[in-house]
Structures are given as C-alpha cells and as structure tokens.
Protein backbone atom coordinates (compact mmCIF):
# COMPACT_ATOMS: atom_id res chain seq x y z
CA MET A 1 0.20 0.16 0.07
CA GLY A 2 2.79 2.54 -0.10
CA LYS A 3 5.44 3.64 3.17
CA PRO A 4 3.86 4.20 6.13
CA THR A 5 2.52 7.58 7.11
CA ARG A 6 3.85 10.09 10.03
CA ILE A 7 0.43 10.98 10.58
CA THR A 8 -1.06 9.28 13.84
CA ASN A 9 -4.63 8.41 14.84
CA ARG A 10 -6.68 7.55 17.66
CA LEU A 11 -9.46 5.45 16.09
CA ARG A 12 -9.33 2.68 17.93
CA GLU A 13 -9.60 4.45 20.78
CA LEU A 14 -12.59 6.57 19.79
CA ARG A 15 -14.09 3.49 18.33
CA PHE A 16 -14.11 2.36 21.99
CA HIS A 17 -15.36 4.77 23.55
CA SER A 18 -18.19 5.12 20.80
CA LYS A 19 -20.03 1.59 22.21
CA GLU A 20 -17.12 -0.36 20.89
CA MET A 21 -17.93 0.64 17.27
CA THR A 22 -16.28 -1.96 15.06
CA GLN A 23 -13.85 -1.57 11.85
CA ALA A 24 -16.88 -2.73 9.71
CA GLU A 25 -19.22 -0.05 11.03
CA LEU A 26 -17.15 2.96 10.88
CA ALA A 27 -16.39 1.91 7.24
CA LYS A 28 -19.71 1.39 6.64
CA ARG A 29 -20.86 4.97 8.13
CA VAL A 30 -17.79 6.81 5.98
CA GLY A 31 -18.32 4.66 2.68
CA VAL A 32 -14.81 2.53 2.44
CA THR A 33 -13.80 -0.56 3.13
CA ARG A 34 -12.67 -2.69 6.47
CA GLN A 35 -9.18 -3.13 4.83
CA THR A 36 -8.94 1.11 4.51
CA ILE A 37 -9.94 1.64 8.09
CA ILE A 38 -7.27 -1.26 9.42
CA ALA A 39 -4.48 0.28 7.30
CA ILE A 40 -5.62 4.05 8.52
CA GLU A 41 -5.52 2.62 12.18
CA GLN A 42 -2.29 1.17 11.46
CA GLY A 43 -0.31 3.92 10.05
CA LYS A 44 -0.20 2.11 6.84
CA TYR A 45 -2.48 4.35 4.71
CA SER A 46 -3.37 8.09 5.17
CA PRO A 47 -6.72 8.83 4.29
CA SER A 48 -8.03 11.83 2.37
CA LEU A 49 -8.80 14.67 3.73
CA GLU A 50 -12.41 14.34 3.25
CA VAL A 51 -12.15 10.60 4.69
CA ALA A 52 -10.31 12.25 6.92
CA PHE A 53 -13.16 14.74 8.05
CA GLN A 54 -15.80 12.06 7.92
CA ILE A 55 -14.39 9.52 10.25
CA ALA A 56 -13.95 12.93 12.45
CA ASN A 57 -17.55 13.58 12.01
CA VAL A 58 -18.90 10.20 12.87
CA PHE A 59 -17.44 10.32 16.37
CA LYS A 60 -18.74 13.76 16.99
CA VAL A 61 -14.81 15.56 17.78
CA PRO A 62 -12.47 17.83 16.22
CA LEU A 63 -10.19 16.41 12.91
CA GLU A 64 -7.53 17.40 15.31
CA GLU A 65 -8.53 14.59 18.10
CA ALA A 66 -9.08 12.06 15.04
CA PHE A 67 -5.77 12.69 13.57
CA GLN A 68 -2.19 14.27 14.19
CA TYR A 69 0.96 15.03 13.02
CA PRO A 70 4.02 15.35 14.58
CA GLU A 71 5.64 19.05 14.23
CA SER A 72 8.89 19.70 11.91
CA ASP A 73 12.22 19.65 13.98
C-alpha cells in the first residue's frame, strides 16, 4: 500500500468509547472498506482529507482529536 505515514490517529480509542464500534461499522458509515480502516489505524495509509473529516464527524470530534501530525524539527 505504500510507505507508512507520519500521521497518527486515535481511531481505536474513539471506536472503543463509541459503544465499541467495529471497524466494519466505521467503514460503512464513512463509505470505505474495512481494510482501509485497518490500514489507517495501523498507520500504513493516510486517509484523504474528505475521509478524515468524515471519520471525525462520525465521532463528533474535531479533526485534530482524531488525527495528529508531528511538528517538524
């Protein structure tokens, strides 16, 4: 799928606190595959900006709470 991304995320934690939402449920709500959610959670794939916003909206959190990007040195 490409090289790992520097973007980190809290998707597993957000899913757990959202009535233990499954990866499949999140994928369906966002309109992507479960494999895409797995790859995003594992840091192997960066979502598009649109998908990132959709994921944040599912959990009703700001984008920065779902995804983080380390500051440059």
